[in-house]
Amino acid sequence: MINEPVVDRLVEKLGTPENPASRYALCVVVAKRARQIIDQEQSQGIHELPGGVKEIALACQEIASGKMTMTKD
């Protein structure tokens, strides 16, 4: 289970005041980003991320740092 960053903080970071995010939206965005990271690893022949970081944890860290945002289609 991922304890850091905190889920509530991730939900806040993911959404905007005009377009708030939900926990469900967080799940979808994290899963899609984790799949992208896995696909990139496979295309580059990488079997593990440096430091043993999992793809889902990396996606959560990207949201927490502000590298990713959510847009509605």
Protein backbone atom coordinates (compact mmCIF):
# COMPACT_ATOMS: atom_id res chain seq x y z
CA MET A 1 0.00 0.00 0.00
CA ILE A 2 1.21 3.49 -0.82
CA ASN A 3 1.24 5.73 2.26
CA GLU A 4 3.29 8.59 0.87
CA PRO A 5 2.16 10.78 -0.82
CA VAL A 6 -1.19 10.88 0.95
CA VAL A 7 -4.19 10.07 -1.26
CA ASP A 8 -6.12 13.20 -0.24
CA ARG A 9 -3.16 15.37 -1.25
CA LEU A 10 -2.95 13.58 -4.59
CA VAL A 11 -6.66 14.19 -5.25
CA GLU A 12 -6.16 17.89 -4.47
CA LYS A 13 -3.09 18.13 -6.74
CA LEU A 14 -4.79 16.31 -9.59
CA GLY A 15 -7.85 18.52 -9.73
CA THR A 16 -8.39 22.25 -9.99
CA PRO A 17 -10.90 24.48 -8.18
CA GLU A 18 -13.04 24.60 -11.33
CA ASN A 19 -12.58 20.90 -12.08
CA PRO A 20 -12.10 18.95 -8.83
CA ALA A 21 -10.84 15.37 -9.00
CA SER A 22 -12.28 12.33 -7.26
CA ARG A 23 -10.57 9.27 -5.86
CA TYR A 24 -11.91 7.32 -8.82
CA ALA A 25 -10.34 9.81 -11.23
CA LEU A 26 -7.05 9.51 -9.33
CA CYS A 27 -7.18 5.72 -9.73
CA VAL A 28 -7.78 5.97 -13.47
CA VAL A 29 -5.03 8.55 -14.04
CA VAL A 30 -2.47 6.64 -11.94
CA ALA A 31 -3.28 3.35 -13.69
CA LYS A 32 -2.95 4.90 -17.15
CA ARG A 33 0.36 6.59 -16.27
CA ALA A 34 1.72 3.40 -14.71
CA ARG A 35 0.86 1.52 -17.93
CA GLN A 36 2.70 4.20 -19.96
CA ILE A 37 5.76 3.82 -17.74
CA ILE A 38 5.68 0.03 -18.14
CA ASP A 39 5.39 0.35 -21.93
CA GLN A 40 8.36 2.75 -21.99
CA GLU A 41 10.43 0.35 -19.89
CA GLN A 42 9.65 -2.54 -22.20
CA SER A 43 10.46 -0.57 -25.35
CA GLN A 44 13.82 0.46 -23.86
CA GLY A 45 14.62 -3.02 -22.57
CA ILE A 46 14.54 -1.95 -18.92
CA HIS A 47 13.33 -4.62 -16.49
CA GLU A 48 13.26 -2.53 -13.30
CA LEU A 49 13.19 1.13 -12.41
CA PRO A 50 16.23 2.50 -10.56
CA GLY A 51 15.97 2.09 -6.83
CA GLY A 52 13.32 -0.61 -7.13
CA VAL A 53 10.55 2.00 -7.38
CA LYS A 54 7.27 0.56 -8.62
CA GLU A 55 5.48 2.12 -11.57
CA ILE A 56 2.39 3.05 -9.55
CA ALA A 57 4.52 4.76 -6.91
CA LEU A 58 6.34 6.71 -9.63
CA ALA A 59 3.03 7.83 -11.14
CA CYS A 60 1.86 9.02 -7.70
CA GLN A 61 5.12 10.90 -7.18
CA GLU A 62 4.68 12.62 -10.54
CA ILE A 63 1.21 13.81 -9.53
CA ALA A 64 2.46 14.98 -6.12
CA SER A 65 5.28 16.97 -7.72
CA GLY A 66 2.92 18.65 -10.18
CA LYS A 67 4.32 16.99 -13.32
CA MET A 68 0.90 15.56 -14.16
CA THR A 69 -2.55 17.07 -14.21
CA MET A 70 -5.96 15.79 -15.20
CA THR A 71 -7.95 17.00 -18.17
CA LYS A 72 -11.49 16.00 -19.03
CA ASP A 73 -12.19 14.72 -22.52
